[in-house]
Protein backbone atom coordinates (compact mmCIF):
# COMPACT_ATOMS: atom_id res chain seq x y z
CA MET A 1 12.56 41.21 -10.77
CA SER A 2 13.97 38.54 -13.06
CA VAL A 3 13.11 34.87 -12.69
CA PRO A 4 15.92 33.03 -10.86
CA ARG A 5 17.63 30.27 -12.79
CA PHE A 6 17.96 26.89 -11.18
CA ARG A 7 19.48 23.50 -11.90
CA LEU A 8 17.82 20.36 -10.63
CA ALA A 9 20.04 17.58 -9.34
CA CYS A 10 18.82 14.09 -10.26
CA CYS A 11 17.34 12.26 -7.28
CA LEU A 12 19.33 9.11 -8.13
CA CYS A 13 22.72 10.07 -9.61
CA ARG A 14 22.79 13.59 -8.09
CA LYS A 15 24.16 15.06 -11.35
CA PRO A 16 22.59 18.25 -12.74
CA ILE A 17 19.77 17.49 -15.16
CA PRO A 18 20.51 19.26 -18.46
CA ILE A 19 18.01 21.99 -19.29
CA SER A 20 17.50 20.41 -22.71
CA MET A 21 16.38 17.13 -21.11
CA ASP A 22 12.96 16.26 -19.68
CA VAL A 23 12.61 15.62 -15.96
CA TYR A 24 10.92 12.39 -14.78
CA ALA A 25 8.90 12.09 -11.56
CA LEU A 26 9.26 8.71 -9.86
CA ASP A 27 6.76 7.12 -7.50
CA ALA A 28 6.96 5.48 -4.08
CA GLU A 29 8.09 2.11 -5.48
CA TRP A 30 11.26 3.80 -6.73
CA GLN A 31 11.71 5.27 -3.25
CA ARG A 32 11.31 1.80 -1.74
CA ARG A 33 13.85 0.23 -4.12
CA TYR A 34 16.31 3.12 -3.90
CA PRO A 35 16.12 4.44 -0.32
CA ALA A 36 19.05 6.83 -0.90
CA MET A 37 16.96 8.82 -3.41
CA ARG A 38 16.96 12.51 -2.64
CA GLY A 39 13.58 13.70 -3.89
CA ILE A 40 11.59 12.17 -6.77
CA LEU A 41 12.75 14.11 -9.85
CA ALA A 42 15.15 12.16 -12.06
CA CYS A 43 17.17 12.62 -15.21
CA GLN A 44 16.28 10.69 -18.34
CA ARG A 45 19.27 8.35 -18.08
CA CYS A 46 18.40 7.25 -14.54
CA ALA A 47 14.66 7.00 -15.13
CA LEU A 48 15.02 4.95 -18.27
CA SER A 49 18.10 2.83 -17.58
CA THR A 50 18.43 2.47 -13.80
CA GLY A 51 15.06 0.77 -13.48
CA TRP A 52 14.11 -2.84 -13.18
CA SER A 53 12.62 -5.10 -15.82
CA SER A 54 9.90 -6.74 -13.74
CA CYS A 55 7.86 -5.95 -10.66
CA GLU A 56 7.03 -9.62 -10.21
CA VAL A 57 9.33 -12.13 -8.54
CA SER A 58 7.36 -14.98 -10.09
CA ASP A 59 4.29 -15.14 -12.32
CA GLY A 60 1.74 -12.79 -10.74
CA VAL A 61 3.59 -12.55 -7.39
CA TYR A 62 5.14 -9.25 -6.32
CA ALA A 63 8.11 -8.81 -4.00
CA ASP A 64 7.36 -8.21 -0.33
CA GLY A 65 6.69 -4.53 0.25
CA HIS A 66 6.00 -3.75 -3.40
CA ILE A 67 3.98 -0.56 -3.81
CA ARG A 68 1.48 -0.82 -6.66
CA ALA A 69 1.71 1.72 -9.46
CA ALA A 70 -1.10 4.19 -8.85
CA ARG A 71 -1.42 5.63 -12.34
CA ALA A 72 -0.56 2.71 -14.60
CA ARG A 73 -3.13 0.23 -15.90
CA CYS A 74 -0.65 -2.54 -15.34
CA ASP A 75 2.25 -2.81 -12.94
CA VAL A 76 4.97 -4.61 -14.82
CA ASP A 77 8.28 -2.74 -14.66
CA ALA A 78 10.05 0.49 -13.73
CA TRP A 79 8.27 2.44 -16.47
CA SER A 80 4.93 1.67 -14.75
CA HIS A 81 6.26 3.63 -11.77
CA VAL A 82 7.15 6.83 -13.63
CA LEU A 83 4.51 9.39 -12.68
CA GLY A 84 5.20 11.65 -15.61
CA MET A 85 7.77 13.71 -17.39
CA GLY A 86 8.05 17.30 -18.44
CA THR A 87 10.09 20.47 -18.48
CA HIS A 88 12.09 21.61 -15.49
CA VAL A 89 9.64 24.42 -14.70
CA GLY A 90 6.59 22.19 -15.08
CA MET A 91 7.95 19.42 -12.89
CA VAL A 92 9.15 21.88 -10.24
CA GLN A 93 5.69 23.42 -10.11
CA ASN A 94 4.03 19.99 -9.92
CA HIS A 95 6.42 18.65 -7.26
CA PRO A 96 7.59 21.64 -5.19
CA ARG A 97 8.59 19.67 -2.08
CA SER A 98 10.99 17.54 -4.06
CA ALA A 99 12.14 20.54 -6.08
CA LEU A 100 13.19 22.33 -2.87
CA LEU A 101 15.50 19.47 -2.01
CA GLN A 102 16.83 19.17 -5.53
CA GLY A 103 17.85 22.78 -6.21
CA ALA A 104 14.85 24.92 -7.16
CA GLU A 105 14.40 26.82 -3.89
CA PRO A 106 15.17 30.30 -5.37
CA TYR A 107 12.68 29.76 -8.18
CA LEU A 108 9.93 28.56 -5.84
CA ARG A 109 10.47 31.54 -3.51
CA HIS A 110 10.19 33.85 -6.50
CA LEU A 111 7.04 32.10 -7.72
CA ALA A 112 5.42 32.34 -4.27
CA GLN A 113 5.81 36.14 -4.34
CA ARG A 114 4.84 36.85 -7.96
CA PRO A 115 1.71 39.01 -8.21
CA ARG A 116 0.20 37.10 -11.16
CA VAL A 117 0.34 33.69 -9.52
CA ALA A 118 -3.09 32.42 -8.48
CA PRO A 119 -3.71 33.23 -4.79
CA ALA A 120 -4.36 29.61 -3.85
CA VAL A 121 -1.12 28.52 -5.52
CA ALA A 122 0.90 31.26 -3.83
CA LEU A 123 -0.64 30.39 -0.46
CA ARG A 124 0.19 26.70 -0.89
CA LEU A 125 3.75 27.49 -1.95
CA ARG A 126 4.25 29.85 0.99
CA ALA A 127 3.04 27.14 3.38
CA ILE A 128 5.49 24.63 1.88
CA LEU A 129 8.31 27.19 2.13
CA GLU A 130 7.42 28.02 5.76
CA GLU A 131 7.55 24.32 6.62
CA TRP A 132 10.90 24.08 4.82
CA ASP A 133 12.30 27.11 6.68
CA ALA A 134 11.07 25.86 10.07
CA ALA A 135 12.73 22.45 9.73
CA PRO A 136 16.34 22.03 10.79
CA SER A 137 18.51 21.45 7.73
CA THR A 138 19.15 17.86 8.89
CA ASP A 139 15.39 17.13 8.74
CA ARG A 140 14.68 18.68 5.34
CA GLY A 141 15.23 15.38 3.55
CA ARG A 142 12.44 13.90 5.66
CA LEU A 143 10.10 16.68 4.56
CA THR A 144 10.54 15.61 0.97
CA GLY A 145 11.54 11.97 1.34
CA GLY A 146 7.94 11.01 1.94
CA VAL A 147 6.74 13.19 -0.90
CA ALA A 148 3.33 12.19 -2.05
CA PRO A 149 3.98 11.07 -5.61
CA CYS A 150 1.24 13.30 -6.99
CA GLU A 151 1.36 16.66 -5.27
CA GLY A 152 -0.98 18.27 -7.75
CA ALA A 153 -0.27 20.96 -10.27
CA LEU A 154 0.20 24.52 -9.16
CA ARG A 155 -1.73 26.01 -12.04
């Protein structure tokens, strides 16, 4: 069985992310600032140019509701809130809940059934897919809208 091809739609602009371009995972502060985001995987243009230049509203004071950057040493701008970047396959495997919403469902279903995938990974993927299948299509955005920014690698 061949590996299904997929195209991720950017969580911000909704345009397909070119295969030749890295995918960027955005954290909860991006979700707070852009509540219409659909998932957390973004194209390079949106991740690098849609952002904001400062997290502070005045020297050392953050805006109400600001969510601190979990992985960055300092929390200064939009770049502090980028969880990571990588290939389409790598980011889909690291963030499967968001990837379901953004266009990688056939690939994730294939991966969950592959015989050489680690049993724990396959089990986790199957559980995520069962949750996805059980939810009405109108609620699927809620399953991924509150995506934990670091879902853990599937390796």
